[in-house]
Amino acid sequence: MRAALVFTRNGGEQRFELSGNTVTLGRGAECELPLADERISTRHCRLTSRDDGWLLEDLKSTNRTFVNGEPITGELRRLRHGDIIRLGARDARLRARTPPDATSGRRPRRGSPR
């Protein structure tokens, strides 16, 4: 499933398209999404793409990872469009895009059965 993380700061937005099966976020240069914030761990959390959406895992970060204000505690957390992920002092909103319907090539309409 295609998605993006949108960070809002000082009235502006910074958008990061999520690509691949896994995306590691943190301060480390080896992370697919490096973030310069001293409150973010070197390897802070990992996003994993599945056919039915994205999962978030905290990688034993010092300051924890939060989704909609709730800390992630050792399990994978399924994300939904619009969820707010907090890393250190930064918030990002998940913008998920519904893949085209495989049978018609069109996006399913809201409320349509799959």
PDB file of N, CA and C in Angstrom:
ATOM      1  N   MET A   1       0.850  -1.178   0.000  1.00  0.00           N
ATOM      2  CA  MET A   1       0.000   0.000   0.000  1.00  0.00           C
ATOM      3  C   MET A   1       0.893   1.238   0.000  1.00  0.00           C
ATOM      4  N   ARG A   2       0.589   2.155  -0.859  1.00  0.00           N
ATOM      5  CA  ARG A   2       1.358   3.396  -0.941  1.00  0.00           C
ATOM      6  C   ARG A   2       0.924   4.341   0.165  1.00  0.00           C
ATOM      7  N   ALA A   3       1.908   5.060   0.712  1.00  0.00           N
ATOM      8  CA  ALA A   3       1.604   6.005   1.793  1.00  0.00           C
ATOM      9  C   ALA A   3       2.729   7.023   1.899  1.00  0.00           C
ATOM     10  N   ALA A   4       2.478   8.040   2.696  1.00  0.00           N
ATOM     11  CA  ALA A   4       3.477   9.070   2.973  1.00  0.00           C
ATOM     12  C   ALA A   4       3.343   9.484   4.434  1.00  0.00           C
ATOM     13  N   LEU A   5       4.449   9.951   5.003  1.00  0.00           N
ATOM     14  CA  LEU A   5       4.424  10.594   6.310  1.00  0.00           C
ATOM     15  C   LEU A   5       4.550  12.084   6.070  1.00  0.00           C
ATOM     16  N   VAL A   6       3.673  12.847   6.693  1.00  0.00           N
ATOM     17  CA  VAL A   6       3.690  14.295   6.531  1.00  0.00           C
ATOM     18  C   VAL A   6       3.997  14.922   7.887  1.00  0.00           C
ATOM     19  N   PHE A   7       5.178  15.536   7.980  1.00  0.00           N
ATOM     20  CA  PHE A   7       5.600  16.234   9.194  1.00  0.00           C
ATOM     21  C   PHE A   7       5.186  17.691   9.066  1.00  0.00           C
ATOM     22  N   THR A   8       4.589  18.232  10.118  1.00  0.00           N
ATOM     23  CA  THR A   8       4.204  19.644  10.140  1.00  0.00           C
ATOM     24  C   THR A   8       5.062  20.347  11.168  1.00  0.00           C
ATOM     25  N   ARG A   9       5.672  21.458  10.742  1.00  0.00           N
ATOM     26  CA  ARG A   9       6.536  22.199  11.649  1.00  0.00           C
ATOM     27  C   ARG A   9       6.584  23.656  11.223  1.00  0.00           C
ATOM     28  N   ASN A  10       6.408  24.548  12.175  1.00  0.00           N
ATOM     29  CA  ASN A  10       6.467  25.985  11.915  1.00  0.00           C
ATOM     30  C   ASN A  10       5.566  26.406  10.756  1.00  0.00           C
ATOM     31  N   GLY A  11       4.380  25.822  10.686  1.00  0.00           N
ATOM     32  CA  GLY A  11       3.425  26.200   9.654  1.00  0.00           C
ATOM     33  C   GLY A  11       3.653  25.570   8.293  1.00  0.00           C
ATOM     34  N   GLY A  12       4.747  24.832   8.121  1.00  0.00           N
ATOM     35  CA  GLY A  12       5.022  24.193   6.835  1.00  0.00           C
ATOM     36  C   GLY A  12       4.908  22.685   6.935  1.00  0.00           C
ATOM     37  N   GLU A  13       4.892  22.035   5.786  1.00  0.00           N
ATOM     38  CA  GLU A  13       4.811  20.578   5.737  1.00  0.00           C
ATOM     39  C   GLU A  13       6.032  20.012   5.033  1.00  0.00           C
ATOM     40  N   GLN A  14       6.457  18.844   5.512  1.00  0.00           N
ATOM     41  CA  GLN A  14       7.526  18.101   4.866  1.00  0.00           C
ATOM     42  C   GLN A  14       6.991  16.688   4.647  1.00  0.00           C
ATOM     43  N   ARG A  15       6.971  16.253   3.391  1.00  0.00           N
ATOM     44  CA  ARG A  15       6.351  14.978   3.031  1.00  0.00           C
ATOM     45  C   ARG A  15       7.422  13.968   2.640  1.00  0.00           C
ATOM     46  N   PHE A  16       7.294  12.743   3.171  1.00  0.00           N
ATOM     47  CA  PHE A  16       8.206  11.657   2.842  1.00  0.00           C
ATOM     48  C   PHE A  16       7.388  10.493   2.306  1.00  0.00           C
ATOM     49  N   GLU A  17       7.585  10.169   1.042  1.00  0.00           N
ATOM     50  CA  GLU A  17       6.902   9.018   0.450  1.00  0.00           C
ATOM     51  C   GLU A  17       7.513   7.749   1.028  1.00  0.00           C
ATOM     52  N   LEU A  18       6.669   6.815   1.430  1.00  0.00           N
ATOM     53  CA  LEU A  18       7.142   5.539   1.966  1.00  0.00           C
ATOM     54  C   LEU A  18       7.232   4.556   0.811  1.00  0.00           C
ATOM     55  N   SER A  19       8.410   3.983   0.621  1.00  0.00           N
ATOM     56  CA  SER A  19       8.595   3.028  -0.459  1.00  0.00           C
ATOM     57  C   SER A  19       9.315   1.805   0.086  1.00  0.00           C
ATOM     58  N   GLY A  20       9.147   0.696  -0.571  1.00  0.00           N
ATOM     59  CA  GLY A  20       9.749  -0.547  -0.108  1.00  0.00           C
ATOM     60  C   GLY A  20       8.867  -1.214   0.934  1.00  0.00           C
ATOM     61  N   ASN A  21       9.337  -2.361   1.421  1.00  0.00           N
ATOM     62  CA  ASN A  21       8.565  -3.125   2.402  1.00  0.00           C
ATOM     63  C   ASN A  21       8.770  -2.641   3.824  1.00  0.00           C
ATOM     64  N   THR A  22       9.962  -2.118   4.123  1.00  0.00           N
ATOM     65  CA  THR A  22      10.238  -1.610   5.468  1.00  0.00           C
ATOM     66  C   THR A  22      10.942  -0.267   5.373  1.00  0.00           C
ATOM     67  N   VAL A  23      10.630   0.595   6.327  1.00  0.00           N
ATOM     68  CA  VAL A  23      11.256   1.912   6.416  1.00  0.00           C
ATOM     69  C   VAL A  23      11.628   2.120   7.884  1.00  0.00           C
ATOM     70  N   THR A  24      12.929   2.278   8.145  1.00  0.00           N
ATOM     71  CA  THR A  24      13.397   2.532   9.502  1.00  0.00           C
ATOM     72  C   THR A  24      13.575   4.037   9.675  1.00  0.00           C
ATOM     73  N   LEU A  25      13.061   4.562  10.795  1.00  0.00           N
ATOM     74  CA  LEU A  25      13.176   5.980  11.116  1.00  0.00           C
ATOM     75  C   LEU A  25      14.084   6.142  12.317  1.00  0.00           C
ATOM     76  N   GLY A  26      14.936   7.158  12.294  1.00  0.00           N
ATOM     77  CA  GLY A  26      15.825   7.428  13.418  1.00  0.00           C
ATOM     78  C   GLY A  26      16.883   8.443  13.047  1.00  0.00           C
ATOM     79  N   ARG A  27      17.797   8.689  13.983  1.00  0.00           N
ATOM     80  CA  ARG A  27      18.884   9.644  13.749  1.00  0.00           C
ATOM     81  C   ARG A  27      20.013   9.051  12.915  1.00  0.00           C
ATOM     82  N   GLY A  28      20.109   7.746  12.865  1.00  0.00           N
ATOM     83  CA  GLY A  28      21.223   7.086  12.196  1.00  0.00           C
ATOM     84  C   GLY A  28      21.225   7.275  10.691  1.00  0.00           C
ATOM     85  N   ALA A  29      22.428   7.396  10.133  1.00  0.00           N
ATOM     86  CA  ALA A  29      22.579   7.583   8.687  1.00  0.00           C
ATOM     87  C   ALA A  29      22.094   6.369   7.912  1.00  0.00           C
ATOM     88  N   GLU A  30      22.068   5.186   8.540  1.00  0.00           N
ATOM     89  CA  GLU A  30      21.634   3.969   7.858  1.00  0.00           C
ATOM     90  C   GLU A  30      20.106   3.852   7.759  1.00  0.00           C
ATOM     91  N   CYS A  31      19.397   4.738   8.420  1.00  0.00           N
ATOM     92  CA  CYS A  31      17.927   4.720   8.364  1.00  0.00           C
ATOM     93  C   CYS A  31      17.433   5.202   7.006  1.00  0.00           C
ATOM     94  N   GLU A  32      16.355   4.583   6.525  1.00  0.00           N
ATOM     95  CA  GLU A  32      15.770   5.024   5.257  1.00  0.00           C
ATOM     96  C   GLU A  32      15.172   6.426   5.392  1.00  0.00           C
ATOM     97  N   LEU A  33      14.741   6.758   6.618  1.00  0.00           N
ATOM     98  CA  LEU A  33      14.204   8.099   6.871  1.00  0.00           C
ATOM     99  C   LEU A  33      14.943   8.678   8.089  1.00  0.00           C
ATOM    100  N   PRO A  34      16.120   9.303   7.849  1.00  0.00           N
ATOM    101  CA  PRO A  34      16.879   9.888   8.955  1.00  0.00           C
ATOM    102  C   PRO A  34      16.251  11.200   9.417  1.00  0.00           C
ATOM    103  N   LEU A  35      16.176  11.380  10.736  1.00  0.00           N
ATOM    104  CA  LEU A  35      15.572  12.564  11.331  1.00  0.00           C
ATOM    105  C   LEU A  35      16.543  13.191  12.317  1.00  0.00           C
ATOM    106  N   ALA A  36      16.840  14.456  12.136  1.00  0.00           N
ATOM    107  CA  ALA A  36      17.782  15.169  13.006  1.00  0.00           C
ATOM    108  C   ALA A  36      17.021  15.750  14.201  1.00  0.00           C
ATOM    109  N   ASP A  37      16.985  14.983  15.290  1.00  0.00           N
ATOM    110  CA  ASP A  37      16.330  15.417  16.520  1.00  0.00           C
ATOM    111  C   ASP A  37      16.987  14.634  17.645  1.00  0.00           C
ATOM    112  N   GLU A  38      17.583  15.315  18.613  1.00  0.00           N
ATOM    113  CA  GLU A  38      18.315  14.632  19.685  1.00  0.00           C
ATOM    114  C   GLU A  38      17.418  13.756  20.558  1.00  0.00           C
ATOM    115  N   ARG A  39      16.110  13.941  20.496  1.00  0.00           N
ATOM    116  CA  ARG A  39      15.184  13.110  21.286  1.00  0.00           C
ATOM    117  C   ARG A  39      14.773  11.840  20.552  1.00  0.00           C
ATOM    118  N   ILE A  40      15.238  11.688  19.314  1.00  0.00           N
ATOM    119  CA  ILE A  40      14.951  10.497  18.521  1.00  0.00           C
ATOM    120  C   ILE A  40      16.154   9.573  18.591  1.00  0.00           C
ATOM    121  N   SER A  41      15.906   8.282  18.822  1.00  0.00           N
ATOM    122  CA  SER A  41      16.988   7.293  18.917  1.00  0.00           C
ATOM    123  C   SER A  41      17.631   7.060  17.556  1.00  0.00           C
ATOM    124  N   THR A  42      18.818   6.461  17.570  1.00  0.00           N
ATOM    125  CA  THR A  42      19.539   6.174  16.334  1.00  0.00           C
ATOM    126  C   THR A  42      18.685   5.316  15.406  1.00  0.00           C
ATOM    127  N   ARG A  43      18.075   4.266  15.936  1.00  0.00           N
ATOM    128  CA  ARG A  43      17.088   3.444  15.216  1.00  0.00           C
ATOM    129  C   ARG A  43      15.833   3.479  16.072  1.00  0.00           C
ATOM    130  N   HIS A  44      14.923   4.375  15.785  1.00  0.00           N
ATOM    131  CA  HIS A  44      13.797   4.670  16.667  1.00  0.00           C
ATOM    132  C   HIS A  44      12.602   3.724  16.445  1.00  0.00           C
ATOM    133  N   CYS A  45      12.159   3.600  15.199  1.00  0.00           N
ATOM    134  CA  CYS A  45      11.006   2.745  14.903  1.00  0.00           C
ATOM    135  C   CYS A  45      11.078   2.263  13.462  1.00  0.00           C
ATOM    136  N   ARG A  46      10.208   1.287  13.156  1.00  0.00           N
ATOM    137  CA  ARG A  46      10.200   0.719  11.809  1.00  0.00           C
ATOM    138  C   ARG A  46       8.757   0.613  11.324  1.00  0.00           C
ATOM    139  N   LEU A  47       8.552   1.021  10.084  1.00  0.00           N
ATOM    140  CA  LEU A  47       7.268   0.857   9.404  1.00  0.00           C
ATOM    141  C   LEU A  47       7.400  -0.319   8.442  1.00  0.00           C
ATOM    142  N   THR A  48       6.408  -1.199   8.445  1.00  0.00           N
ATOM    143  CA  THR A  48       6.407  -2.356   7.555  1.00  0.00           C
ATOM    144  C   THR A  48       5.132  -2.354   6.735  1.00  0.00           C
ATOM    145  N   SER A  49       5.288  -2.487   5.430  1.00  0.00           N
ATOM    146  CA  SER A  49       4.152  -2.498   4.520  1.00  0.00           C
ATOM    147  C   SER A  49       3.596  -3.908   4.401  1.00  0.00           C
ATOM    148  N   ARG A  50       2.278  -4.002   4.473  1.00  0.00           N
ATOM    149  CA  ARG A  50       1.559  -5.254   4.239  1.00  0.00           C
ATOM    150  C   ARG A  50       0.503  -4.977   3.188  1.00  0.00           C
ATOM    151  N   ASP A  51      -0.074  -6.017   2.633  1.00  0.00           N
ATOM    152  CA  ASP A  51      -1.119  -5.827   1.624  1.00  0.00           C
ATOM    153  C   ASP A  51      -2.281  -4.994   2.145  1.00  0.00           C
ATOM    154  N   ASP A  52      -2.577  -5.129   3.437  1.00  0.00           N
ATOM    155  CA  ASP A  52      -3.730  -4.439   4.010  1.00  0.00           C
ATOM    156  C   ASP A  52      -3.370  -3.173   4.777  1.00  0.00           C
ATOM    157  N   GLY A  53      -2.127  -2.708   4.659  1.00  0.00           N
ATOM    158  CA  GLY A  53      -1.756  -1.455   5.326  1.00  0.00           C
ATOM    159  C   GLY A  53      -0.339  -1.469   5.877  1.00  0.00           C
ATOM    160  N   TRP A  54      -0.099  -0.553   6.807  1.00  0.00           N
ATOM    161  CA  TRP A  54       1.224  -0.381   7.401  1.00  0.00           C
ATOM    162  C   TRP A  54       1.193  -0.747   8.877  1.00  0.00           C
ATOM    163  N   LEU A  55       2.288  -1.349   9.357  1.00  0.00           N
ATOM    164  CA  LEU A  55       2.469  -1.676  10.766  1.00  0.00           C
ATOM    165  C   LEU A  55       3.632  -0.857  11.296  1.00  0.00           C
ATOM    166  N   LEU A  56       3.538  -0.429  12.557  1.00  0.00           N
ATOM    167  CA  LEU A  56       4.588   0.360  13.197  1.00  0.00           C
ATOM    168  C   LEU A  56       5.127  -0.412  14.391  1.00  0.00           C
ATOM    169  N   GLU A  57       6.455  -0.435  14.516  1.00  0.00           N
ATOM    170  CA  GLU A  57       7.123  -1.122  15.617  1.00  0.00           C
ATOM    171  C   GLU A  57       8.136  -0.170  16.243  1.00  0.00           C
ATOM    172  N   ASP A  58       8.078  -0.016  17.558  1.00  0.00           N
ATOM    173  CA  ASP A  58       9.089   0.755  18.272  1.00  0.00           C
ATOM    174  C   ASP A  58      10.313  -0.139  18.439  1.00  0.00           C
ATOM    175  N   LEU A  59      11.493   0.375  18.148  1.00  0.00           N
ATOM    176  CA  LEU A  59      12.722  -0.417  18.215  1.00  0.00           C
ATOM    177  C   LEU A  59      13.459  -0.172  19.533  1.00  0.00           C
ATOM    178  N   LYS A  60      12.715  -0.238  20.645  1.00  0.00           N
ATOM    179  CA  LYS A  60      13.254  -0.022  21.994  1.00  0.00           C
ATOM    180  C   LYS A  60      13.903   1.354  22.110  1.00  0.00           C
ATOM    181  N   SER A  61      13.221   2.346  21.551  1.00  0.00           N
ATOM    182  CA  SER A  61      13.738   3.715  21.585  1.00  0.00           C
ATOM    183  C   SER A  61      13.710   4.251  23.016  1.00  0.00           C
ATOM    184  N   THR A  62      14.593   5.182  23.304  1.00  0.00           N
ATOM    185  CA  THR A  62      14.675   5.775  24.637  1.00  0.00           C
ATOM    186  C   THR A  62      13.406   6.543  24.995  1.00  0.00           C
ATOM    187  N   ASN A  63      12.910   7.358  24.076  1.00  0.00           N
ATOM    188  CA  ASN A  63      11.748   8.209  24.360  1.00  0.00           C
ATOM    189  C   ASN A  63      10.436   7.669  23.802  1.00  0.00           C
ATOM    190  N   ARG A  64      10.440   6.436  23.362  1.00  0.00           N
ATOM    191  CA  ARG A  64       9.262   5.721  22.872  1.00  0.00           C
ATOM    192  C   ARG A  64       8.644   6.348  21.628  1.00  0.00           C
ATOM    193  N   THR A  65       7.767   5.584  21.028  1.00  0.00           N
ATOM    194  CA  THR A  65       7.009   6.007  19.847  1.00  0.00           C
ATOM    195  C   THR A  65       5.537   6.003  20.236  1.00  0.00           C
ATOM    196  N   PHE A  66       4.812   7.026  19.796  1.00  0.00           N
ATOM    197  CA  PHE A  66       3.400   7.167  20.145  1.00  0.00           C
ATOM    198  C   PHE A  66       2.555   7.219  18.876  1.00  0.00           C
ATOM    199  N   VAL A  67       1.360   6.655  18.960  1.00  0.00           N
ATOM    200  CA  VAL A  67       0.379   6.762  17.880  1.00  0.00           C
ATOM    201  C   VAL A  67      -0.888   7.340  18.489  1.00  0.00           C
ATOM    202  N   ASN A  68      -1.299   8.489  17.979  1.00  0.00           N
ATOM    203  CA  ASN A  68      -2.484   9.182  18.489  1.00  0.00           C
ATOM    204  C   ASN A  68      -2.422   9.363  20.005  1.00  0.00           C
ATOM    205  N   GLY A  69      -1.213   9.666  20.511  1.00  0.00           N
ATOM    206  CA  GLY A  69      -1.020   9.942  21.929  1.00  0.00           C
ATOM    207  C   GLY A  69      -0.796   8.722  22.803  1.00  0.00           C
ATOM    208  N   GLU A  70      -0.915   7.513  22.246  1.00  0.00           N
ATOM    209  CA  GLU A  70      -0.723   6.289  23.024  1.00  0.00           C
ATOM    210  C   GLU A  70       0.634   5.671  22.708  1.00  0.00           C
ATOM    211  N   PRO A  71       1.395   5.283  23.755  1.00  0.00           N
ATOM    212  CA  PRO A  71       2.703   4.676  23.492  1.00  0.00           C
ATOM    213  C   PRO A  71       2.565   3.281  22.888  1.00  0.00           C
ATOM    214  N   ILE A  72       3.513   2.945  22.020  1.00  0.00           N
ATOM    215  CA  ILE A  72       3.591   1.590  21.469  1.00  0.00           C
ATOM    216  C   ILE A  72       4.368   0.777  22.492  1.00  0.00           C
ATOM    217  N   THR A  73       3.834  -0.327  22.909  1.00  0.00           N
ATOM    218  CA  THR A  73       4.469  -1.103  23.979  1.00  0.00           C
ATOM    219  C   THR A  73       4.784  -2.523  23.535  1.00  0.00           C
ATOM    220  N   GLY A  74       5.828  -2.685  22.759  1.00  0.00           N
ATOM    221  CA  GLY A  74       6.342  -4.000  22.421  1.00  0.00           C
ATOM    222  C   GLY A  74       5.643  -4.761  21.299  1.00  0.00           C
ATOM    223  N   GLU A  75       4.470  -4.348  20.887  1.00  0.00           N
ATOM    224  CA  GLU A  75       3.783  -5.059  19.811  1.00  0.00           C
ATOM    225  C   GLU A  75       3.761  -4.201  18.552  1.00  0.00           C
ATOM    226  N   LEU A  76       3.425  -4.834  17.456  1.00  0.00           N
ATOM    227  CA  LEU A  76       3.249  -4.096  16.212  1.00  0.00           C
ATOM    228  C   LEU A  76       1.914  -3.367  16.289  1.00  0.00           C
ATOM    229  N   ARG A  77       1.897  -2.164  15.789  1.00  0.00           N
ATOM    230  CA  ARG A  77       0.672  -1.358  15.814  1.00  0.00           C
ATOM    231  C   ARG A  77       0.216  -1.119  14.377  1.00  0.00           C
ATOM    232  N   ARG A  78      -0.999  -1.537  14.056  1.00  0.00           N
ATOM    233  CA  ARG A  78      -1.559  -1.294  12.726  1.00  0.00           C
ATOM    234  C   ARG A  78      -1.912   0.181  12.616  1.00  0.00           C
ATOM    235  N   LEU A  79      -1.507   0.792  11.510  1.00  0.00           N
ATOM    236  CA  LEU A  79      -1.769   2.214  11.297  1.00  0.00           C
ATOM    237  C   LEU A  79      -2.927   2.397  10.329  1.00  0.00           C
ATOM    238  N   ARG A  80      -3.621   3.504  10.500  1.00  0.00           N
ATOM    239  CA  ARG A  80      -4.726   3.873   9.620  1.00  0.00           C
ATOM    240  C   ARG A  80      -4.438   5.261   9.044  1.00  0.00           C
ATOM    241  N   HIS A  81      -5.063   5.540   7.925  1.00  0.00           N
ATOM    242  CA  HIS A  81      -4.942   6.853   7.312  1.00  0.00           C
ATOM    243  C   HIS A  81      -5.297   7.922   8.348  1.00  0.00           C
ATOM    244  N   GLY A  82      -4.434   8.924   8.487  1.00  0.00           N
ATOM    245  CA  GLY A  82      -4.699  10.026   9.409  1.00  0.00           C
ATOM    246  C   GLY A  82      -4.095   9.849  10.789  1.00  0.00           C
ATOM    247  N   ASP A  83      -3.575   8.655  11.119  1.00  0.00           N
ATOM    248  CA  ASP A  83      -2.941   8.459  12.426  1.00  0.00           C
ATOM    249  C   ASP A  83      -1.770   9.416  12.587  1.00  0.00           C
ATOM    250  N   ILE A  84      -1.574   9.885  13.823  1.00  0.00           N
ATOM    251  CA  ILE A  84      -0.457  10.779  14.125  1.00  0.00           C
ATOM    252  C   ILE A  84       0.597   9.992  14.896  1.00  0.00           C
ATOM    253  N   ILE A  85       1.812   9.973  14.340  1.00  0.00           N
ATOM    254  CA  ILE A  85       2.934   9.272  14.939  1.00  0.00           C
ATOM    255  C   ILE A  85       3.849  10.318  15.567  1.00  0.00           C
ATOM    256  N   ARG A  86       4.186  10.145  16.842  1.00  0.00           N
ATOM    257  CA  ARG A  86       5.089  11.073  17.523  1.00  0.00           C
ATOM    258  C   ARG A  86       6.422  10.381  17.775  1.00  0.00           C
ATOM    259  N   LEU A  87       7.483  11.044  17.290  1.00  0.00           N
ATOM    260  CA  LEU A  87       8.870  10.610  17.493  1.00  0.00           C
ATOM    261  C   LEU A  87       9.605  11.778  18.115  1.00  0.00           C
ATOM    262  N   GLY A  88      10.097  11.636  19.334  1.00  0.00           N
ATOM    263  CA  GLY A  88      10.760  12.762  19.989  1.00  0.00           C
ATOM    264  C   GLY A  88       9.787  13.920  20.071  1.00  0.00           C
ATOM    265  N   ALA A  89      10.177  15.068  19.524  1.00  0.00           N
ATOM    266  CA  ALA A  89       9.306  16.251  19.537  1.00  0.00           C
ATOM    267  C   ALA A  89       8.614  16.452  18.194  1.00  0.00           C
ATOM    268  N   ARG A  90       8.667  15.446  17.312  1.00  0.00           N
ATOM    269  CA  ARG A  90       8.099  15.594  15.968  1.00  0.00           C
ATOM    270  C   ARG A  90       6.854  14.746  15.804  1.00  0.00           C
ATOM    271  N   ASP A  91       5.855  15.329  15.146  1.00  0.00           N
ATOM    272  CA  ASP A  91       4.624  14.619  14.807  1.00  0.00           C
ATOM    273  C   ASP A  91       4.547  14.446  13.301  1.00  0.00           C
ATOM    274  N   ALA A  92       4.102  13.275  12.887  1.00  0.00           N
ATOM    275  CA  ALA A  92       3.886  13.003  11.469  1.00  0.00           C
ATOM    276  C   ALA A  92       2.519  12.360  11.305  1.00  0.00           C
ATOM    277  N   ARG A  93       1.824  12.753  10.267  1.00  0.00           N
ATOM    278  CA  ARG A  93       0.507  12.163   9.969  1.00  0.00           C
ATOM    279  C   ARG A  93       0.686  11.191   8.809  1.00  0.00           C
ATOM    280  N   LEU A  94       0.102   9.986   8.963  1.00  0.00           N
ATOM    281  CA  LEU A  94       0.155   9.005   7.887  1.00  0.00           C
ATOM    282  C   LEU A  94      -0.909   9.329   6.849  1.00  0.00           C
ATOM    283  N   ARG A  95      -0.489   9.454   5.610  1.00  0.00           N
ATOM    284  CA  ARG A  95      -1.398   9.666   4.489  1.00  0.00           C
ATOM    285  C   ARG A  95      -1.343   8.411   3.630  1.00  0.00           C
ATOM    286  N   ALA A  96      -2.319   7.532   3.798  1.00  0.00           N
ATOM    287  CA  ALA A  96      -2.364   6.278   3.042  1.00  0.00           C
ATOM    288  C   ALA A  96      -3.217   6.461   1.807  1.00  0.00           C
ATOM    289  N   ARG A  97      -2.795   5.828   0.731  1.00  0.00           N
ATOM    290  CA  ARG A  97      -3.553   5.881  -0.508  1.00  0.00           C
ATOM    291  C   ARG A  97      -4.063   4.484  -0.823  1.00  0.00           C
ATOM    292  N   THR A  98      -5.338   4.393  -1.124  1.00  0.00           N
ATOM    293  CA  THR A  98      -5.942   3.112  -1.459  1.00  0.00           C
ATOM    294  C   THR A  98      -5.440   2.669  -2.816  1.00  0.00           C
ATOM    295  N   PRO A  99      -4.955   1.417  -2.905  1.00  0.00           N
ATOM    296  CA  PRO A  99      -4.496   0.947  -4.214  1.00  0.00           C
ATOM    297  C   PRO A  99      -5.675   0.782  -5.168  1.00  0.00           C
ATOM    298  N   PRO A 100      -5.418   0.896  -6.474  1.00  0.00           N
ATOM    299  CA  PRO A 100      -6.500   0.693  -7.438  1.00  0.00           C
ATOM    300  C   PRO A 100      -7.096  -0.699  -7.283  1.00  0.00           C
ATOM    301  N   ASP A 101      -8.385  -0.827  -7.538  1.00  0.00           N
ATOM    302  CA  ASP A 101      -9.068  -2.108  -7.504  1.00  0.00           C
ATOM    303  C   ASP A 101      -8.453  -2.981  -8.595  1.00  0.00           C
ATOM    304  N   ALA A 102      -7.989  -4.165  -8.221  1.00  0.00           N
ATOM    305  CA  ALA A 102      -7.274  -5.036  -9.151  1.00  0.00           C
ATOM    306  C   ALA A 102      -8.148  -5.480 -10.320  1.00  0.00           C
ATOM    307  N   THR A 103      -9.454  -5.550 -10.115  1.00  0.00           N
ATOM    308  CA  THR A 103     -10.307  -6.041 -11.196  1.00  0.00           C
ATOM    309  C   THR A 103     -10.671  -4.958 -12.194  1.00  0.00           C
ATOM    310  N   SER A 104     -10.764  -3.712 -11.738  1.00  0.00           N
ATOM    311  CA  SER A 104     -11.224  -2.669 -12.644  1.00  0.00           C
ATOM    312  C   SER A 104     -10.157  -1.645 -12.979  1.00  0.00           C
ATOM    313  N   GLY A 105      -9.082  -1.615 -12.178  1.00  0.00           N
ATOM    314  CA  GLY A 105      -8.060  -0.601 -12.386  1.00  0.00           C
ATOM    315  C   GLY A 105      -8.459   0.736 -11.796  1.00  0.00           C
ATOM    316  N   ARG A 106      -9.639   0.810 -11.168  1.00  0.00           N
ATOM    317  CA  ARG A 106     -10.107   2.045 -10.542  1.00  0.00           C
ATOM    318  C   ARG A 106     -10.015   1.915  -9.037  1.00  0.00           C
ATOM    319  N   ARG A 107      -9.982   3.040  -8.379  1.00  0.00           N
ATOM    320  CA  ARG A 107     -10.002   3.052  -6.919  1.00  0.00           C
ATOM    321  C   ARG A 107     -11.436   2.741  -6.456  1.00  0.00           C
ATOM    322  N   PRO A 108     -11.573   1.894  -5.410  1.00  0.00           N
ATOM    323  CA  PRO A 108     -12.914   1.636  -4.899  1.00  0.00           C
ATOM    324  C   PRO A 108     -13.518   2.914  -4.327  1.00  0.00           C
ATOM    325  N   ARG A 109     -14.825   3.076  -4.501  1.00  0.00           N
ATOM    326  CA  ARG A 109     -15.494   4.230  -3.940  1.00  0.00           C
ATOM    327  C   ARG A 109     -15.655   4.040  -2.452  1.00  0.00           C
ATOM    328  N   ARG A 110     -15.680   5.144  -1.730  1.00  0.00           N
ATOM    329  CA  ARG A 110     -15.861   5.102  -0.289  1.00  0.00           C
ATOM    330  C   ARG A 110     -17.188   4.417   0.023  1.00  0.00           C
ATOM    331  N   GLY A 111     -17.141   3.442   0.935  1.00  0.00           N
ATOM    332  CA  GLY A 111     -18.345   2.722   1.305  1.00  0.00           C
ATOM    333  C   GLY A 111     -18.676   1.548   0.395  1.00  0.00           C
ATOM    334  N   SER A 112     -17.902   1.354  -0.687  1.00  0.00           N
ATOM    335  CA  SER A 112     -18.159   0.239  -1.588  1.00  0.00           C
ATOM    336  C   SER A 112     -17.599  -1.043  -1.003  1.00  0.00           C
ATOM    337  N   PRO A 113     -18.319  -2.164  -1.135  1.00  0.00           N
ATOM    338  CA  PRO A 113     -17.758  -3.434  -0.676  1.00  0.00           C
ATOM    339  C   PRO A 113     -16.598  -3.831  -1.564  1.00  0.00           C
ATOM    340  N   ARG A 114     -15.649  -4.522  -0.996  1.00  0.00           N
ATOM    341  CA  ARG A 114     -14.477  -4.983  -1.758  1.00  0.00           C
ATOM    342  C   ARG A 114     -14.670  -6.373  -2.250  1.00  0.00           C
TER     343      ARG A 114
END
